[in-house]
């Protein structure tokens, strides 16, 4: 009997959701940091830039995990 993705024996991967959220966070934090800089709110701009940098690191980590998963022969769709 073949296991179906999303069952308790074969859970779905959360890497794609994590990647999407990290990209969203990067875009939002970068845009808000630019607006905060233009408004002269330096402390907020720095905090948002740090959050954007954390999002970049998360995107890289997730990308590495996805590549490793594919090298092991595990094939998942983008939305799985």
Protein backbone atom coordinates (compact mmCIF):
# COMPACT_ATOMS: atom_id res chain seq x y z
CA UNK A 1 0.00 0.00 0.00
CA UNK A 2 1.46 3.35 -1.06
CA UNK A 3 1.52 6.14 1.50
CA UNK A 4 -0.28 9.33 0.52
CA UNK A 5 1.33 12.73 1.17
CA UNK A 6 -0.30 14.51 4.06
CA UNK A 7 -1.14 11.44 6.12
CA UNK A 8 0.29 10.76 9.56
CA UNK A 9 2.74 8.26 8.01
CA UNK A 10 3.94 10.73 5.38
CA UNK A 11 3.48 14.35 6.51
CA UNK A 12 3.61 17.20 4.04
CA UNK A 13 6.67 19.38 4.05
CA UNK A 14 6.40 22.89 5.47
CA UNK A 15 9.47 24.10 3.59
CA UNK A 16 7.50 25.68 0.77
CA UNK A 17 5.27 27.58 3.18
CA UNK A 18 8.34 28.71 5.12
CA UNK A 19 9.95 29.87 1.88
CA UNK A 20 6.85 31.82 0.85
CA UNK A 21 6.60 33.50 4.26
CA UNK A 22 10.29 34.39 4.25
CA UNK A 23 9.99 35.98 0.80
CA UNK A 24 6.91 37.90 1.92
CA UNK A 25 8.71 39.08 5.04
CA UNK A 26 11.72 40.17 2.99
CA UNK A 27 9.60 42.23 0.61
CA UNK A 28 7.50 43.84 3.34
CA UNK A 29 10.41 44.61 5.67
CA UNK A 30 12.52 46.03 2.84
CA UNK A 31 9.71 48.28 1.62
CA UNK A 32 8.89 49.49 5.11
CA UNK A 33 12.58 50.10 5.87
CA UNK A 34 12.81 52.31 2.78
CA UNK A 35 9.71 54.26 3.82
CA UNK A 36 11.01 54.61 7.39
CA UNK A 37 14.33 55.91 6.08
CA UNK A 38 12.57 58.48 3.92
CA UNK A 39 10.44 59.54 6.88
CA UNK A 40 13.53 59.96 9.03
CA UNK A 41 12.72 57.19 11.51
CA UNK A 42 16.18 55.69 11.69
CA UNK A 43 15.64 53.24 14.58
CA UNK A 44 12.64 51.67 12.85
CA UNK A 45 14.51 51.50 9.54
CA UNK A 46 17.43 49.68 11.18
CA UNK A 47 15.11 47.22 12.94
CA UNK A 48 13.30 46.45 9.67
CA UNK A 49 16.61 46.05 7.83
CA UNK A 50 17.72 43.51 10.44
CA UNK A 51 14.46 41.59 9.98
CA UNK A 52 14.97 41.66 6.20
CA UNK A 53 18.48 40.24 6.66
CA UNK A 54 17.07 37.45 8.83
CA UNK A 55 14.56 36.68 6.08
CA UNK A 56 17.40 36.41 3.54
CA UNK A 57 19.22 33.94 5.79
CA UNK A 58 16.03 31.90 6.15
CA UNK A 59 15.53 31.85 2.38
CA UNK A 60 19.08 30.52 1.93
CA UNK A 61 18.61 27.84 4.61
CA UNK A 62 15.32 26.67 3.11
CA UNK A 63 16.88 26.62 -0.36
CA UNK A 64 19.71 24.42 0.87
CA UNK A 65 17.23 22.02 2.49
CA UNK A 66 15.16 21.81 -0.70
CA UNK A 67 18.27 21.04 -2.77
CA UNK A 68 19.34 18.32 -0.33
CA UNK A 69 15.86 16.81 -0.41
CA UNK A 70 15.94 16.67 -4.21
CA UNK A 71 19.40 15.08 -4.20
CA UNK A 72 18.04 12.29 -1.99
CA UNK A 73 15.49 11.62 -4.70
CA UNK A 74 12.47 13.02 -2.89
CA UNK A 75 10.24 14.80 -5.36
CA UNK A 76 7.60 17.19 -4.09
CA UNK A 77 5.46 19.65 -5.92
CA UNK A 78 5.67 23.33 -5.08
CA UNK A 79 2.38 23.26 -3.18
CA UNK A 80 2.97 20.03 -1.25
